[in-house]
PDB file of N, CA and C in Angstrom:
ATOM      1  N   UNK A   1       1.711   0.254  -7.281  1.00  0.00           N
ATOM      2  CA  UNK A   1       0.282  -0.093  -6.834  1.00  0.00           C
ATOM      3  C   UNK A   1      -0.674   0.506  -5.873  1.00  0.00           C
ATOM      4  N   UNK A   2      -1.752   0.346  -6.305  1.00  0.00           N
ATOM      5  CA  UNK A   2      -2.722   0.886  -5.510  1.00  0.00           C
ATOM      6  C   UNK A   2      -3.990  -0.281  -5.188  1.00  0.00           C
ATOM      7  N   UNK A   3      -4.319  -0.429  -3.792  1.00  0.00           N
ATOM      8  CA  UNK A   3      -5.113  -1.382  -3.585  1.00  0.00           C
ATOM      9  C   UNK A   3      -6.421  -0.652  -2.595  1.00  0.00           C
ATOM     10  N   UNK A   4      -7.466  -0.202  -3.502  1.00  0.00           N
ATOM     11  CA  UNK A   4      -8.325   0.811  -2.611  1.00  0.00           C
ATOM     12  C   UNK A   4      -8.948   0.310  -1.217  1.00  0.00           C
ATOM     13  N   UNK A   5      -9.215   0.492  -0.349  1.00  0.00           N
ATOM     14  CA  UNK A   5     -10.141  -0.364   0.814  1.00  0.00           C
ATOM     15  C   UNK A   5     -11.091   0.883   1.597  1.00  0.00           C
ATOM     16  N   UNK A   6     -12.199   0.368   2.428  1.00  0.00           N
ATOM     17  CA  UNK A   6     -12.831   1.076   2.733  1.00  0.00           C
ATOM     18  C   UNK A   6     -13.144   0.777   4.175  1.00  0.00           C
ATOM     19  N   UNK A   7     -12.312   0.297   4.720  1.00  0.00           N
ATOM     20  CA  UNK A   7     -12.203  -0.181   6.011  1.00  0.00           C
ATOM     21  C   UNK A   7     -11.734   1.194   6.844  1.00  0.00           C
ATOM     22  N   UNK A   8     -11.589   2.335   6.507  1.00  0.00           N
ATOM     23  CA  UNK A   8     -10.734   3.300   7.536  1.00  0.00           C
ATOM     24  C   UNK A   8     -11.833   4.646   6.889  1.00  0.00           C
ATOM     25  N   UNK A   9     -12.728   4.890   7.983  1.00  0.00           N
ATOM     26  CA  UNK A   9     -13.389   6.060   7.730  1.00  0.00           C
ATOM     27  C   UNK A   9     -14.404   6.002   6.409  1.00  0.00           C
ATOM     28  N   UNK A  10     -14.862   4.797   5.851  1.00  0.00           N
ATOM     29  CA  UNK A  10     -15.705   5.091   4.806  1.00  0.00           C
ATOM     30  C   UNK A  10     -15.075   5.905   3.468  1.00  0.00           C
ATOM     31  N   UNK A  11     -13.763   5.999   3.492  1.00  0.00           N
ATOM     32  CA  UNK A  11     -13.057   6.798   2.517  1.00  0.00           C
ATOM     33  C   UNK A  11     -13.163   6.196   1.137  1.00  0.00           C
ATOM     34  N   UNK A  12     -13.702   5.132   1.040  1.00  0.00           N
ATOM     35  CA  UNK A  12     -13.787   4.273  -0.439  1.00  0.00           C
ATOM     36  C   UNK A  12     -14.935   3.953  -0.845  1.00  0.00           C
ATOM     37  N   UNK A  13     -15.882   4.313  -0.689  1.00  0.00           N
ATOM     38  CA  UNK A  13     -17.247   4.026  -1.055  1.00  0.00           C
ATOM     39  C   UNK A  13     -17.711   3.863  -2.304  1.00  0.00           C
ATOM     40  N   UNK A  14     -17.163   4.182  -3.358  1.00  0.00           N
ATOM     41  CA  UNK A  14     -17.416   3.886  -4.833  1.00  0.00           C
ATOM     42  C   UNK A  14     -17.174   2.747  -5.292  1.00  0.00           C
ATOM     43  N   UNK A  15     -17.485   2.282  -6.221  1.00  0.00           N
ATOM     44  CA  UNK A  15     -17.286   1.353  -7.163  1.00  0.00           C
ATOM     45  C   UNK A  15     -15.693   1.231  -7.719  1.00  0.00           C
ATOM     46  N   UNK A  16     -15.346   0.492  -8.010  1.00  0.00           N
ATOM     47  CA  UNK A  16     -13.903   0.243  -8.655  1.00  0.00           C
ATOM     48  C   UNK A  16     -13.835   1.125  -9.827  1.00  0.00           C
ATOM     49  N   UNK A  17     -14.641   1.206 -10.486  1.00  0.00           N
ATOM     50  CA  UNK A  17     -14.731   2.374 -11.815  1.00  0.00           C
ATOM     51  C   UNK A  17     -14.950   3.556 -11.042  1.00  0.00           C
ATOM     52  N   UNK A  18     -15.603   3.963 -10.208  1.00  0.00           N
ATOM     53  CA  UNK A  18     -15.581   5.390  -9.470  1.00  0.00           C
ATOM     54  C   UNK A  18     -14.452   5.979  -8.784  1.00  0.00           C
ATOM     55  N   UNK A  19     -13.627   4.618  -8.174  1.00  0.00           N
ATOM     56  CA  UNK A  19     -12.466   4.799  -7.495  1.00  0.00           C
ATOM     57  C   UNK A  19     -11.299   5.100  -8.660  1.00  0.00           C
ATOM     58  N   UNK A  20     -11.066   4.293  -9.756  1.00  0.00           N
ATOM     59  CA  UNK A  20     -10.212   4.523 -10.728  1.00  0.00           C
ATOM     60  C   UNK A  20     -10.477   6.401 -11.438  1.00  0.00           C
ATOM     61  N   UNK A  21     -11.600   6.412 -11.799  1.00  0.00           N
ATOM     62  CA  UNK A  21     -11.543   7.756 -12.680  1.00  0.00           C
ATOM     63  C   UNK A  21     -11.427   8.996 -11.684  1.00  0.00           C
ATOM     64  N   UNK A  22     -11.775   8.964 -10.319  1.00  0.00           N
ATOM     65  CA  UNK A  22     -11.351   9.906  -9.237  1.00  0.00           C
ATOM     66  C   UNK A  22     -10.109   9.940  -9.078  1.00  0.00           C
ATOM     67  N   UNK A  23      -8.867   9.078  -8.908  1.00  0.00           N
ATOM     68  CA  UNK A  23      -7.621   8.821  -8.598  1.00  0.00           C
ATOM     69  C   UNK A  23      -7.425   9.443 -10.049  1.00  0.00           C
ATOM     70  N   UNK A  24      -7.484   9.306 -11.181  1.00  0.00           N
ATOM     71  CA  UNK A  24      -6.727   9.292 -12.449  1.00  0.00           C
ATOM     72  C   UNK A  24      -7.302  11.027 -12.396  1.00  0.00           C
ATOM     73  N   UNK A  25      -8.721  11.500 -12.465  1.00  0.00           N
ATOM     74  CA  UNK A  25      -8.774  12.977 -12.781  1.00  0.00           C
ATOM     75  C   UNK A  25      -8.345  13.748 -11.547  1.00  0.00           C
ATOM     76  N   UNK A  26      -8.663  13.339 -10.714  1.00  0.00           N
ATOM     77  CA  UNK A  26      -7.976  14.620  -9.405  1.00  0.00           C
ATOM     78  C   UNK A  26      -6.608  14.357  -8.957  1.00  0.00           C
ATOM     79  N   UNK A  27      -6.067  13.254  -8.879  1.00  0.00           N
ATOM     80  CA  UNK A  27      -4.557  13.188  -8.654  1.00  0.00           C
ATOM     81  C   UNK A  27      -3.539  12.618  -9.591  1.00  0.00           C
ATOM     82  N   UNK A  28      -4.269  12.507 -10.996  1.00  0.00           N
ATOM     83  CA  UNK A  28      -3.405  12.322 -12.222  1.00  0.00           C
ATOM     84  C   UNK A  28      -2.794  10.698 -11.921  1.00  0.00           C
ATOM     85  N   UNK A  29      -3.363   9.970 -11.334  1.00  0.00           N
ATOM     86  CA  UNK A  29      -2.486   8.721 -10.863  1.00  0.00           C
ATOM     87  C   UNK A  29      -2.518   7.952 -12.170  1.00  0.00           C
ATOM     88  N   UNK A  30      -1.114   7.133 -12.387  1.00  0.00           N
ATOM     89  CA  UNK A  30      -0.647   6.658 -13.673  1.00  0.00           C
ATOM     90  C   UNK A  30       0.024   5.261 -13.127  1.00  0.00           C
ATOM     91  N   UNK A  31      -0.438   4.719 -12.353  1.00  0.00           N
ATOM     92  CA  UNK A  31      -0.324   3.241 -11.631  1.00  0.00           C
ATOM     93  C   UNK A  31      -1.576   2.450 -11.806  1.00  0.00           C
ATOM     94  N   UNK A  32      -0.835   1.202 -11.886  1.00  0.00           N
ATOM     95  CA  UNK A  32      -1.910   0.480 -11.435  1.00  0.00           C
ATOM     96  C   UNK A  32      -2.993   0.325 -10.053  1.00  0.00           C
ATOM     97  N   UNK A  33      -4.361   0.452 -10.286  1.00  0.00           N
ATOM     98  CA  UNK A  33      -5.085   0.774  -9.248  1.00  0.00           C
ATOM     99  C   UNK A  33      -6.005  -0.279  -9.251  1.00  0.00           C
ATOM    100  N   UNK A  34      -5.924  -1.597  -8.230  1.00  0.00           N
ATOM    101  CA  UNK A  34      -6.495  -2.825  -8.150  1.00  0.00           C
ATOM    102  C   UNK A  34      -8.089  -2.516  -7.535  1.00  0.00           C
ATOM    103  N   UNK A  35      -8.637  -3.616  -7.536  1.00  0.00           N
ATOM    104  CA  UNK A  35      -9.928  -3.850  -6.782  1.00  0.00           C
ATOM    105  C   UNK A  35     -10.039  -3.480  -5.493  1.00  0.00           C
ATOM    106  N   UNK A  36     -10.949  -2.836  -4.708  1.00  0.00           N
ATOM    107  CA  UNK A  36     -11.059  -2.282  -3.407  1.00  0.00           C
ATOM    108  C   UNK A  36     -10.668  -4.004  -2.865  1.00  0.00           C
ATOM    109  N   UNK A  37     -10.165  -4.129  -1.588  1.00  0.00           N
ATOM    110  CA  UNK A  37      -9.998  -5.379  -0.737  1.00  0.00           C
ATOM    111  C   UNK A  37     -10.117  -4.795   0.539  1.00  0.00           C
ATOM    112  N   UNK A  38     -10.351  -5.494   1.663  1.00  0.00           N
ATOM    113  CA  UNK A  38     -10.092  -5.312   3.184  1.00  0.00           C
ATOM    114  C   UNK A  38      -8.624  -5.540   3.413  1.00  0.00           C
ATOM    115  N   UNK A  39      -7.774  -5.107   4.040  1.00  0.00           N
ATOM    116  CA  UNK A  39      -5.937  -5.229   4.406  1.00  0.00           C
ATOM    117  C   UNK A  39      -6.505  -5.658   5.733  1.00  0.00           C
ATOM    118  N   UNK A  40      -6.997  -5.146   6.817  1.00  0.00           N
ATOM    119  CA  UNK A  40      -7.450  -6.274   7.821  1.00  0.00           C
ATOM    120  C   UNK A  40      -8.608  -6.564   8.481  1.00  0.00           C
ATOM    121  N   UNK A  41      -8.234  -7.631   9.512  1.00  0.00           N
ATOM    122  CA  UNK A  41      -9.572  -8.477   9.994  1.00  0.00           C
ATOM    123  C   UNK A  41      -9.608  -9.722   8.867  1.00  0.00           C
ATOM    124  N   UNK A  42     -10.334 -10.138   9.460  1.00  0.00           N
ATOM    125  CA  UNK A  42     -10.929 -11.786   8.965  1.00  0.00           C
ATOM    126  C   UNK A  42     -11.029 -11.731   7.488  1.00  0.00           C
ATOM    127  N   UNK A  43     -11.821 -10.906   6.665  1.00  0.00           N
ATOM    128  CA  UNK A  43     -11.451 -10.802   5.263  1.00  0.00           C
ATOM    129  C   UNK A  43     -10.419 -10.072   4.562  1.00  0.00           C
ATOM    130  N   UNK A  44      -9.192  -9.970   5.394  1.00  0.00           N
ATOM    131  CA  UNK A  44      -8.224  -9.437   4.800  1.00  0.00           C
ATOM    132  C   UNK A  44      -7.613 -10.437   3.700  1.00  0.00           C
ATOM    133  N   UNK A  45      -7.156  -9.572   2.320  1.00  0.00           N
ATOM    134  CA  UNK A  45      -6.510 -10.402   1.190  1.00  0.00           C
ATOM    135  C   UNK A  45      -5.557 -11.038   1.393  1.00  0.00           C
ATOM    136  N   UNK A  46      -4.836 -11.715   0.951  1.00  0.00           N
ATOM    137  CA  UNK A  46      -3.908 -13.107   1.149  1.00  0.00           C
ATOM    138  C   UNK A  46      -2.557 -11.650   0.780  1.00  0.00           C
ATOM    139  N   UNK A  47      -2.400 -10.844   0.055  1.00  0.00           N
ATOM    140  CA  UNK A  47      -1.584 -10.413   0.109  1.00  0.00           C
ATOM    141  C   UNK A  47      -0.908  -9.513   1.342  1.00  0.00           C
ATOM    142  N   UNK A  48      -1.920  -8.791   1.620  1.00  0.00           N
ATOM    143  CA  UNK A  48      -1.661  -8.048   2.873  1.00  0.00           C
ATOM    144  C   UNK A  48      -1.310  -8.754   3.857  1.00  0.00           C
ATOM    145  N   UNK A  49      -2.124 -10.022   3.915  1.00  0.00           N
ATOM    146  CA  UNK A  49      -1.773 -10.765   5.189  1.00  0.00           C
ATOM    147  C   UNK A  49      -0.361 -11.286   4.915  1.00  0.00           C
ATOM    148  N   UNK A  50       0.473 -11.567   3.819  1.00  0.00           N
ATOM    149  CA  UNK A  50       1.564 -11.556   3.633  1.00  0.00           C
ATOM    150  C   UNK A  50       2.683 -10.451   4.136  1.00  0.00           C
ATOM    151  N   UNK A  51       2.208  -9.155   3.510  1.00  0.00           N
ATOM    152  CA  UNK A  51       2.841  -7.989   3.760  1.00  0.00           C
ATOM    153  C   UNK A  51       3.126  -7.578   5.254  1.00  0.00           C
ATOM    154  N   UNK A  52       1.556  -7.705   5.812  1.00  0.00           N
ATOM    155  CA  UNK A  52       1.715  -7.317   7.269  1.00  0.00           C
ATOM    156  C   UNK A  52       2.595  -8.555   8.113  1.00  0.00           C
ATOM    157  N   UNK A  53       2.771  -9.564   7.999  1.00  0.00           N
ATOM    158  CA  UNK A  53       3.471 -10.752   8.476  1.00  0.00           C
ATOM    159  C   UNK A  53       4.925 -10.744   8.321  1.00  0.00           C
ATOM    160  N   UNK A  54       5.273 -10.205   7.027  1.00  0.00           N
ATOM    161  CA  UNK A  54       6.743  -9.642   7.071  1.00  0.00           C
ATOM    162  C   UNK A  54       7.007  -8.539   7.833  1.00  0.00           C
ATOM    163  N   UNK A  55       6.216  -7.491   7.416  1.00  0.00           N
ATOM    164  CA  UNK A  55       7.055  -6.223   8.397  1.00  0.00           C
ATOM    165  C   UNK A  55       5.641  -5.775   9.166  1.00  0.00           C
ATOM    166  N   UNK A  56       5.996  -5.312  10.559  1.00  0.00           N
ATOM    167  CA  UNK A  56       5.200  -4.947  11.289  1.00  0.00           C
ATOM    168  C   UNK A  56       5.373  -3.206  11.350  1.00  0.00           C
ATOM    169  N   UNK A  57       4.646  -2.416  11.827  1.00  0.00           N
ATOM    170  CA  UNK A  57       5.017  -1.045  11.686  1.00  0.00           C
ATOM    171  C   UNK A  57       5.830  -0.766  12.823  1.00  0.00           C
ATOM    172  N   UNK A  58       6.293   1.182  12.943  1.00  0.00           N
ATOM    173  CA  UNK A  58       7.422   1.226  13.846  1.00  0.00           C
ATOM    174  C   UNK A  58       7.160   1.077  15.083  1.00  0.00           C
ATOM    175  N   UNK A  59       6.108   0.445  15.831  1.00  0.00           N
ATOM    176  CA  UNK A  59       5.394   0.364  17.057  1.00  0.00           C
ATOM    177  C   UNK A  59       5.261  -1.232  17.325  1.00  0.00           C
ATOM    178  N   UNK A  60       5.325  -1.871  16.200  1.00  0.00           N
ATOM    179  CA  UNK A  60       5.538  -3.524  16.147  1.00  0.00           C
ATOM    180  C   UNK A  60       3.979  -4.102  15.717  1.00  0.00           C
ATOM    181  N   UNK A  61       3.255  -3.054  15.388  1.00  0.00           N
ATOM    182  CA  UNK A  61       1.691  -3.673  15.060  1.00  0.00           C
ATOM    183  C   UNK A  61       1.698  -4.404  13.607  1.00  0.00           C
ATOM    184  N   UNK A  62       0.918  -5.103  13.756  1.00  0.00           N
ATOM    185  CA  UNK A  62       0.870  -5.636  12.043  1.00  0.00           C
ATOM    186  C   UNK A  62      -0.692  -5.159  11.139  1.00  0.00           C
ATOM    187  N   UNK A  63      -1.649  -4.685  12.013  1.00  0.00           N
ATOM    188  CA  UNK A  63      -2.534  -4.188  11.130  1.00  0.00           C
ATOM    189  C   UNK A  63      -2.166  -2.855  10.353  1.00  0.00           C
ATOM    190  N   UNK A  64      -2.872  -2.589   9.663  1.00  0.00           N
ATOM    191  CA  UNK A  64      -2.818  -1.385   8.490  1.00  0.00           C
ATOM    192  C   UNK A  64      -3.579  -0.227   9.341  1.00  0.00           C
ATOM    193  N   UNK A  65      -2.890   1.106   9.912  1.00  0.00           N
ATOM    194  CA  UNK A  65      -3.612   2.122  10.651  1.00  0.00           C
ATOM    195  C   UNK A  65      -4.447   2.841  10.026  1.00  0.00           C
ATOM    196  N   UNK A  66      -4.370   3.043   8.590  1.00  0.00           N
ATOM    197  CA  UNK A  66      -5.022   4.152   7.949  1.00  0.00           C
ATOM    198  C   UNK A  66      -4.787   3.829   6.345  1.00  0.00           C
ATOM    199  N   UNK A  67      -5.639   4.205   5.508  1.00  0.00           N
ATOM    200  CA  UNK A  67      -4.770   4.110   4.014  1.00  0.00           C
ATOM    201  C   UNK A  67      -3.688   4.724   3.802  1.00  0.00           C
ATOM    202  N   UNK A  68      -2.905   4.198   2.829  1.00  0.00           N
ATOM    203  CA  UNK A  68      -1.963   5.015   2.105  1.00  0.00           C
ATOM    204  C   UNK A  68      -0.362   4.257   3.083  1.00  0.00           C
ATOM    205  N   UNK A  69      -0.927   3.140   3.774  1.00  0.00           N
ATOM    206  CA  UNK A  69       0.062   2.697   3.975  1.00  0.00           C
ATOM    207  C   UNK A  69       0.916   1.819   3.075  1.00  0.00           C
ATOM    208  N   UNK A  70       2.357   1.920   3.108  1.00  0.00           N
ATOM    209  CA  UNK A  70       3.325   1.555   2.277  1.00  0.00           C
ATOM    210  C   UNK A  70       3.901   0.583   2.288  1.00  0.00           C
ATOM    211  N   UNK A  71       4.600  -0.444   1.361  1.00  0.00           N
ATOM    212  CA  UNK A  71       5.249  -1.242   1.640  1.00  0.00           C
ATOM    213  C   UNK A  71       6.391  -1.656   0.491  1.00  0.00           C
ATOM    214  N   UNK A  72       7.480  -1.777   0.719  1.00  0.00           N
ATOM    215  CA  UNK A  72       8.375  -1.761  -0.589  1.00  0.00           C
ATOM    216  C   UNK A  72       8.657  -3.252  -0.589  1.00  0.00           C
ATOM    217  N   UNK A  73       8.607  -3.664  -1.791  1.00  0.00           N
ATOM    218  CA  UNK A  73       8.757  -5.312  -2.036  1.00  0.00           C
ATOM    219  C   UNK A  73       9.827  -5.361  -3.315  1.00  0.00           C
ATOM    220  N   UNK A  74      11.325  -5.865  -2.960  1.00  0.00           N
ATOM    221  CA  UNK A  74      12.064  -6.041  -4.029  1.00  0.00           C
ATOM    222  C   UNK A  74      12.030  -7.070  -4.797  1.00  0.00           C
ATOM    223  N   UNK A  75      12.829  -6.995  -6.302  1.00  0.00           N
ATOM    224  CA  UNK A  75      12.724  -7.876  -7.430  1.00  0.00           C
ATOM    225  C   UNK A  75      12.607  -9.210  -6.978  1.00  0.00           C
ATOM    226  N   UNK A  76      12.752  -9.679  -5.609  1.00  0.00           N
ATOM    227  CA  UNK A  76      12.734 -11.161  -5.423  1.00  0.00           C
ATOM    228  C   UNK A  76      11.838 -11.464  -4.832  1.00  0.00           C
ATOM    229  N   UNK A  77      10.608 -10.396  -4.398  1.00  0.00           N
ATOM    230  CA  UNK A  77       9.645 -10.643  -3.418  1.00  0.00           C
ATOM    231  C   UNK A  77       9.787 -10.695  -2.283  1.00  0.00           C
ATOM    232  N   UNK A  78      10.835  -9.917  -1.487  1.00  0.00           N
ATOM    233  CA  UNK A  78      11.139  -9.684  -0.206  1.00  0.00           C
ATOM    234  C   UNK A  78      10.489  -8.316   0.240  1.00  0.00           C
ATOM    235  N   UNK A  79       9.577  -8.413   1.340  1.00  0.00           N
ATOM    236  CA  UNK A  79       9.321  -7.160   2.032  1.00  0.00           C
ATOM    237  C   UNK A  79      10.290  -6.594   2.444  1.00  0.00           C
ATOM    238  N   UNK A  80      11.158  -5.198   1.951  1.00  0.00           N
ATOM    239  CA  UNK A  80      12.486  -4.667   2.628  1.00  0.00           C
ATOM    240  C   UNK A  80      11.839  -3.735   3.160  1.00  0.00           C
ATOM    241  N   UNK A  81      10.623  -2.815   3.038  1.00  0.00           N
ATOM    242  CA  UNK A  81      10.286  -1.929   4.033  1.00  0.00           C
ATOM    243  C   UNK A  81       8.998  -1.541   4.359  1.00  0.00           C
ATOM    244  N   UNK A  82       8.603  -1.264   5.322  1.00  0.00           N
ATOM    245  CA  UNK A  82       7.220  -0.547   5.328  1.00  0.00           C
ATOM    246  C   UNK A  82       7.160   0.689   6.053  1.00  0.00           C
ATOM    247  N   UNK A  83       6.258   1.697   5.461  1.00  0.00           N
ATOM    248  CA  UNK A  83       5.909   3.203   5.401  1.00  0.00           C
ATOM    249  C   UNK A  83       4.793   3.526   5.862  1.00  0.00           C
ATOM    250  N   UNK A  84       5.008   4.708   7.047  1.00  0.00           N
ATOM    251  CA  UNK A  84       3.355   4.895   7.674  1.00  0.00           C
ATOM    252  C   UNK A  84       2.513   5.823   6.436  1.00  0.00           C
ATOM    253  N   UNK A  85       1.330   5.873   6.886  1.00  0.00           N
ATOM    254  CA  UNK A  85       0.701   6.127   5.606  1.00  0.00           C
ATOM    255  C   UNK A  85       1.031   8.169   5.609  1.00  0.00           C
ATOM    256  N   UNK A  86       1.793   8.474   6.786  1.00  0.00           N
ATOM    257  CA  UNK A  86       2.268   9.952   6.453  1.00  0.00           C
ATOM    258  C   UNK A  86       3.207   9.989   6.088  1.00  0.00           C
ATOM    259  N   UNK A  87       3.671   9.189   5.466  1.00  0.00           N
ATOM    260  CA  UNK A  87       5.115   9.102   4.316  1.00  0.00           C
ATOM    261  C   UNK A  87       4.749   9.477   2.925  1.00  0.00           C
ATOM    262  N   UNK A  88       5.337  10.436   2.463  1.00  0.00           N
ATOM    263  CA  UNK A  88       4.904  11.018   0.982  1.00  0.00           C
ATOM    264  C   UNK A  88       5.809   9.936   0.374  1.00  0.00           C
ATOM    265  N   UNK A  89       5.227   9.379  -1.195  1.00  0.00           N
ATOM    266  CA  UNK A  89       5.977   8.848  -1.886  1.00  0.00           C
ATOM    267  C   UNK A  89       7.332   9.405  -2.314  1.00  0.00           C
ATOM    268  N   UNK A  90       7.558  10.718  -2.449  1.00  0.00           N
ATOM    269  CA  UNK A  90       8.564  11.119  -2.770  1.00  0.00           C
ATOM    270  C   UNK A  90       9.808  11.091  -1.516  1.00  0.00           C
ATOM    271  N   UNK A  91       9.475  10.848  -0.515  1.00  0.00           N
ATOM    272  CA  UNK A  91      10.526  10.668   0.771  1.00  0.00           C
ATOM    273  C   UNK A  91      10.896   9.411   0.602  1.00  0.00           C
ATOM    274  N   UNK A  92      10.370   8.383  -0.163  1.00  0.00           N
ATOM    275  CA  UNK A  92      10.802   7.140  -0.258  1.00  0.00           C
ATOM    276  C   UNK A  92      11.978   7.059  -1.802  1.00  0.00           C
ATOM    277  N   UNK A  93      12.667   7.902  -2.370  1.00  0.00           N
ATOM    278  CA  UNK A  93      13.312   7.789  -3.482  1.00  0.00           C
ATOM    279  C   UNK A  93      14.372   7.441  -3.270  1.00  0.00           C
ATOM    280  N   UNK A  94      15.258   7.691  -1.902  1.00  0.00           N
ATOM    281  CA  UNK A  94      16.669   6.830  -1.608  1.00  0.00           C
ATOM    282  C   UNK A  94      16.239   5.732  -1.348  1.00  0.00           C
ATOM    283  N   UNK A  95      15.233   5.212  -0.536  1.00  0.00           N
ATOM    284  CA  UNK A  95      15.252   3.699   0.239  1.00  0.00           C
ATOM    285  C   UNK A  95      14.778   3.004  -1.508  1.00  0.00           C
ATOM    286  N   UNK A  96      14.068   3.338  -2.158  1.00  0.00           N
ATOM    287  CA  UNK A  96      13.612   2.511  -3.395  1.00  0.00           C
ATOM    288  C   UNK A  96      15.001   2.472  -4.134  1.00  0.00           C
ATOM    289  N   UNK A  97      15.878   3.126  -4.644  1.00  0.00           N
ATOM    290  CA  UNK A  97      17.143   3.346  -5.400  1.00  0.00           C
ATOM    291  C   UNK A  97      18.153   2.287  -4.422  1.00  0.00           C
ATOM    292  N   UNK A  98      18.182   2.482  -2.992  1.00  0.00           N
ATOM    293  CA  UNK A  98      18.843   1.659  -2.445  1.00  0.00           C
ATOM    294  C   UNK A  98      18.471  -0.079  -2.648  1.00  0.00           C
ATOM    295  N   UNK A  99      17.080  -0.118  -2.449  1.00  0.00           N
ATOM    296  CA  UNK A  99      16.305  -1.446  -2.700  1.00  0.00           C
ATOM    297  C   UNK A  99      16.762  -2.117  -4.395  1.00  0.00           C
ATOM    298  N   UNK A 100      16.918  -1.457  -5.237  1.00  0.00           N
ATOM    299  CA  UNK A 100      17.394  -1.542  -6.404  1.00  0.00           C
ATOM    300  C   UNK A 100      18.610  -1.896  -6.806  1.00  0.00           C
ATOM    301  N   UNK A 101      19.481  -0.853  -6.028  1.00  0.00           N
ATOM    302  CA  UNK A 101      21.020  -1.041  -6.332  1.00  0.00           C
ATOM    303  C   UNK A 101      21.542  -2.475  -5.428  1.00  0.00           C
ATOM    304  N   UNK A 102      20.885  -2.723  -4.372  1.00  0.00           N
ATOM    305  CA  UNK A 102      20.713  -3.691  -3.792  1.00  0.00           C
ATOM    306  C   UNK A 102      20.608  -5.309  -4.428  1.00  0.00           C
ATOM    307  N   UNK A 103      19.300  -5.379  -5.288  1.00  0.00           N
ATOM    308  CA  UNK A 103      18.755  -6.777  -5.898  1.00  0.00           C
ATOM    309  C   UNK A 103      19.874  -6.669  -7.210  1.00  0.00           C
ATOM    310  N   UNK A 104      20.332  -5.940  -7.753  1.00  0.00           N
ATOM    311  CA  UNK A 104      21.217  -5.989  -8.872  1.00  0.00           C
ATOM    312  C   UNK A 104      22.408  -6.707  -8.849  1.00  0.00           C
TER     313      UNK A 104
END
């Protein structure tokens, strides 16, 4: 799932429809892309407040440092991982498979 955010260098200035069209046409995104939200600050959405409170980053910071920060949530709703924006989704295959196996 993706939650566009314009809090990082104004990278997501478009409307929800424009962001969806761009992600699908340029990157062939085939996963849910939700409406634009804030992930940090006083207007951060409740979901990201929960995710950040459950898992700090590698340095112990809770705020999201840049677009493409990733969280892994298991089938029971537990946050089991947080990954930096630089971590490619393909690098998470083993972690995802382990989380699936652990929740089975």
